[in-house]
Amino acid sequence: MYEHLGECLADRQRRWADTLPPLSDELRELACLLADEEPRKIGAHPLWPLFRNLFRAEAGTDPDPAALGVICECPEHF
């Protein structure tokens, strides 16, 4: 029940990403582009609404702006 308490943020983000269905290359590229932004500024990025809607359509859930690095899987973002 409390096994998640010793978990770091990166582990929680990876666990969240593992629950997602396979995502399109285009969505991963958008995640990579957005991951270059500070997480608190991502929501103001002009591409965020497009990404959010595509993510909802493909994954069936809302994206986590702080976890974009695990979606794009780029070493520099995660």
N, C-alpha and C. Protein backbone atom coordinates (compact mmCIF):
# COMPACT_ATOMS: atom_id res chain seq x y z
N MET A 1 0.81 -1.19 0.00
CA MET A 1 0.00 0.00 0.00
C MET A 1 0.85 1.26 0.00
N TYR A 2 1.97 1.26 0.72
CA TYR A 2 2.80 2.45 0.83
C TYR A 2 4.11 2.33 0.04
N GLU A 3 4.18 1.38 -0.89
CA GLU A 3 5.42 1.18 -1.63
C GLU A 3 5.81 2.38 -2.48
N HIS A 4 4.85 3.22 -2.85
CA HIS A 4 5.12 4.39 -3.69
C HIS A 4 5.79 5.52 -2.91
N LEU A 5 5.84 5.45 -1.59
CA LEU A 5 6.40 6.55 -0.81
C LEU A 5 7.91 6.71 -1.02
N GLY A 6 8.62 5.64 -1.32
CA GLY A 6 10.04 5.72 -1.56
C GLY A 6 10.38 6.04 -3.01
N GLU A 7 9.38 6.28 -3.80
CA GLU A 7 9.53 6.52 -5.22
C GLU A 7 9.89 7.97 -5.51
N CYS A 8 10.76 8.19 -6.47
CA CYS A 8 11.07 9.56 -6.88
C CYS A 8 10.11 9.97 -8.00
N LEU A 9 10.12 11.26 -8.32
CA LEU A 9 9.23 11.78 -9.35
C LEU A 9 9.46 11.07 -10.68
N ALA A 10 10.71 10.83 -11.04
CA ALA A 10 11.01 10.15 -12.31
C ALA A 10 10.39 8.76 -12.35
N ASP A 11 10.42 8.05 -11.23
CA ASP A 11 9.81 6.71 -11.19
C ASP A 11 8.30 6.79 -11.37
N ARG A 12 7.66 7.77 -10.72
CA ARG A 12 6.21 7.93 -10.88
C ARG A 12 5.86 8.28 -12.32
N GLN A 13 6.68 9.14 -12.95
CA GLN A 13 6.42 9.52 -14.34
C GLN A 13 6.57 8.33 -15.27
N ARG A 14 7.59 7.52 -15.04
CA ARG A 14 7.78 6.32 -15.87
C ARG A 14 6.62 5.35 -15.69
N ARG A 15 6.19 5.17 -14.45
CA ARG A 15 5.08 4.27 -14.18
C ARG A 15 3.82 4.77 -14.88
N TRP A 16 3.59 6.08 -14.85
CA TRP A 16 2.44 6.68 -15.55
C TRP A 16 2.56 6.42 -17.05
N ALA A 17 3.74 6.64 -17.61
CA ALA A 17 3.94 6.46 -19.05
C ALA A 17 3.75 5.00 -19.45
N ASP A 18 4.09 4.07 -18.56
CA ASP A 18 3.93 2.65 -18.86
C ASP A 18 2.46 2.25 -19.00
N THR A 19 1.56 3.05 -18.45
CA THR A 19 0.13 2.72 -18.54
C THR A 19 -0.49 3.23 -19.84
N LEU A 20 0.26 4.02 -20.60
CA LEU A 20 -0.28 4.62 -21.83
C LEU A 20 -0.22 3.63 -22.98
N PRO A 21 -1.16 3.74 -23.91
CA PRO A 21 -1.07 2.92 -25.12
C PRO A 21 0.09 3.43 -25.99
N PRO A 22 0.49 2.68 -27.00
CA PRO A 22 1.52 3.19 -27.92
C PRO A 22 1.06 4.51 -28.54
N LEU A 23 1.95 5.49 -28.55
CA LEU A 23 1.62 6.81 -29.07
C LEU A 23 2.28 7.02 -30.43
N SER A 24 1.65 7.83 -31.26
CA SER A 24 2.17 8.08 -32.61
C SER A 24 3.49 8.84 -32.55
N ASP A 25 4.25 8.71 -33.63
CA ASP A 25 5.52 9.42 -33.73
C ASP A 25 5.30 10.94 -33.70
N GLU A 26 4.22 11.38 -34.32
CA GLU A 26 3.92 12.82 -34.35
C GLU A 26 3.66 13.35 -32.93
N LEU A 27 2.94 12.57 -32.15
CA LEU A 27 2.67 13.00 -30.78
C LEU A 27 3.95 13.01 -29.95
N ARG A 28 4.81 12.05 -30.17
CA ARG A 28 6.10 12.01 -29.45
C ARG A 28 6.98 13.20 -29.86
N GLU A 29 6.93 13.57 -31.13
CA GLU A 29 7.71 14.74 -31.58
C GLU A 29 7.18 16.03 -30.94
N LEU A 30 5.86 16.16 -30.86
CA LEU A 30 5.29 17.33 -30.18
C LEU A 30 5.68 17.34 -28.70
N ALA A 31 5.66 16.18 -28.07
CA ALA A 31 6.07 16.09 -26.66
C ALA A 31 7.52 16.53 -26.50
N CYS A 32 8.37 16.13 -27.43
CA CYS A 32 9.78 16.50 -27.40
C CYS A 32 9.94 18.02 -27.52
N LEU A 33 9.21 18.59 -28.44
CA LEU A 33 9.27 20.04 -28.63
C LEU A 33 8.81 20.77 -27.38
N LEU A 34 7.70 20.32 -26.80
CA LEU A 34 7.18 20.96 -25.60
C LEU A 34 8.05 20.70 -24.38
N ALA A 35 8.74 19.58 -24.34
CA ALA A 35 9.59 19.25 -23.19
C ALA A 35 10.76 20.22 -23.06
N ASP A 36 11.06 20.95 -24.13
CA ASP A 36 12.12 21.96 -24.06
C ASP A 36 11.72 23.15 -23.20
N GLU A 37 10.42 23.31 -22.97
CA GLU A 37 9.90 24.41 -22.16
C GLU A 37 9.93 24.04 -20.67
N GLU A 38 9.91 25.04 -19.82
CA GLU A 38 9.76 24.78 -18.39
C GLU A 38 8.34 24.26 -18.16
N PRO A 39 8.19 23.24 -17.29
CA PRO A 39 6.85 22.66 -17.09
C PRO A 39 5.77 23.68 -16.76
N ARG A 40 6.11 24.72 -16.01
CA ARG A 40 5.09 25.70 -15.63
C ARG A 40 4.69 26.59 -16.80
N LYS A 41 5.49 26.61 -17.88
CA LYS A 41 5.18 27.45 -19.05
C LYS A 41 4.56 26.67 -20.21
N ILE A 42 4.52 25.36 -20.09
CA ILE A 42 4.04 24.53 -21.20
C ILE A 42 2.59 24.86 -21.56
N GLY A 43 1.75 25.09 -20.57
CA GLY A 43 0.34 25.39 -20.83
C GLY A 43 0.12 26.65 -21.64
N ALA A 44 1.10 27.55 -21.66
CA ALA A 44 0.99 28.79 -22.43
C ALA A 44 1.60 28.65 -23.83
N HIS A 45 2.23 27.53 -24.12
CA HIS A 45 2.85 27.32 -25.43
C HIS A 45 1.75 27.21 -26.48
N PRO A 46 1.93 27.82 -27.65
CA PRO A 46 0.88 27.79 -28.69
C PRO A 46 0.52 26.37 -29.16
N LEU A 47 1.44 25.41 -29.03
CA LEU A 47 1.16 24.05 -29.47
C LEU A 47 0.52 23.18 -28.39
N TRP A 48 0.45 23.70 -27.16
CA TRP A 48 -0.11 22.89 -26.07
C TRP A 48 -1.55 22.44 -26.34
N PRO A 49 -2.46 23.32 -26.79
CA PRO A 49 -3.84 22.84 -27.05
C PRO A 49 -3.89 21.72 -28.08
N LEU A 50 -3.09 21.82 -29.13
CA LEU A 50 -3.04 20.76 -30.15
C LEU A 50 -2.53 19.47 -29.53
N PHE A 51 -1.43 19.56 -28.79
CA PHE A 51 -0.86 18.38 -28.15
C PHE A 51 -1.86 17.75 -27.19
N ARG A 52 -2.48 18.57 -26.35
CA ARG A 52 -3.43 18.06 -25.35
C ARG A 52 -4.58 17.31 -26.02
N ASN A 53 -5.12 17.89 -27.09
CA ASN A 53 -6.24 17.24 -27.78
C ASN A 53 -5.82 15.95 -28.49
N LEU A 54 -4.66 15.96 -29.12
CA LEU A 54 -4.16 14.73 -29.76
C LEU A 54 -3.86 13.66 -28.71
N PHE A 55 -3.28 14.09 -27.59
CA PHE A 55 -2.96 13.15 -26.53
C PHE A 55 -4.24 12.51 -25.98
N ARG A 56 -5.24 13.33 -25.75
CA ARG A 56 -6.52 12.81 -25.26
C ARG A 56 -7.11 11.81 -26.24
N ALA A 57 -7.02 12.11 -27.53
CA ALA A 57 -7.57 11.21 -28.55
C ALA A 57 -6.81 9.89 -28.61
N GLU A 58 -5.49 9.94 -28.48
CA GLU A 58 -4.69 8.72 -28.58
C GLU A 58 -4.63 7.95 -27.27
N ALA A 59 -4.47 8.65 -26.16
CA ALA A 59 -4.24 7.98 -24.88
C ALA A 59 -5.50 7.85 -24.03
N GLY A 60 -6.51 8.65 -24.33
CA GLY A 60 -7.74 8.58 -23.56
C GLY A 60 -7.65 9.20 -22.18
N THR A 61 -6.64 10.03 -21.96
CA THR A 61 -6.45 10.71 -20.68
C THR A 61 -5.75 12.04 -20.92
N ASP A 62 -5.66 12.84 -19.89
CA ASP A 62 -4.98 14.13 -20.02
C ASP A 62 -3.47 13.96 -19.88
N PRO A 63 -2.70 14.74 -20.62
CA PRO A 63 -1.25 14.67 -20.49
C PRO A 63 -0.77 15.36 -19.22
N ASP A 64 0.37 14.94 -18.74
CA ASP A 64 1.01 15.56 -17.58
C ASP A 64 2.16 16.42 -18.10
N PRO A 65 2.07 17.75 -18.03
CA PRO A 65 3.14 18.60 -18.55
C PRO A 65 4.51 18.30 -17.96
N ALA A 66 4.55 17.84 -16.73
CA ALA A 66 5.83 17.55 -16.10
C ALA A 66 6.42 16.21 -16.55
N ALA A 67 5.64 15.41 -17.27
CA ALA A 67 6.10 14.09 -17.67
C ALA A 67 6.32 13.95 -19.17
N LEU A 68 6.46 15.05 -19.87
CA LEU A 68 6.64 14.98 -21.32
C LEU A 68 7.93 14.27 -21.71
N GLY A 69 8.93 14.35 -20.86
CA GLY A 69 10.20 13.68 -21.15
C GLY A 69 10.08 12.18 -21.25
N VAL A 70 9.16 11.58 -20.50
CA VAL A 70 8.98 10.12 -20.60
C VAL A 70 8.13 9.75 -21.80
N ILE A 71 7.41 10.71 -22.35
CA ILE A 71 6.62 10.44 -23.55
C ILE A 71 7.53 10.48 -24.78
N CYS A 72 8.39 11.49 -24.87
CA CYS A 72 9.27 11.59 -26.04
C CYS A 72 10.45 10.64 -25.93
N GLU A 73 10.81 10.24 -24.71
CA GLU A 73 11.89 9.29 -24.45
C GLU A 73 13.26 9.78 -24.89
N CYS A 74 13.46 11.07 -24.99
CA CYS A 74 14.76 11.62 -25.34
C CYS A 74 15.65 11.65 -24.10
N PRO A 75 16.90 11.25 -24.22
CA PRO A 75 17.79 11.27 -23.06
C PRO A 75 17.97 12.67 -22.48
N GLU A 76 17.95 13.70 -23.31
CA GLU A 76 18.16 15.06 -22.80
C GLU A 76 16.94 15.59 -22.06
N HIS A 77 15.78 14.97 -22.25
CA HIS A 77 14.58 15.41 -21.55
C HIS A 77 14.27 14.60 -20.31
N PHE A 78 14.91 13.46 -20.17
CA PHE A 78 14.61 12.63 -19.01
C PHE A 78 15.86 12.04 -18.46
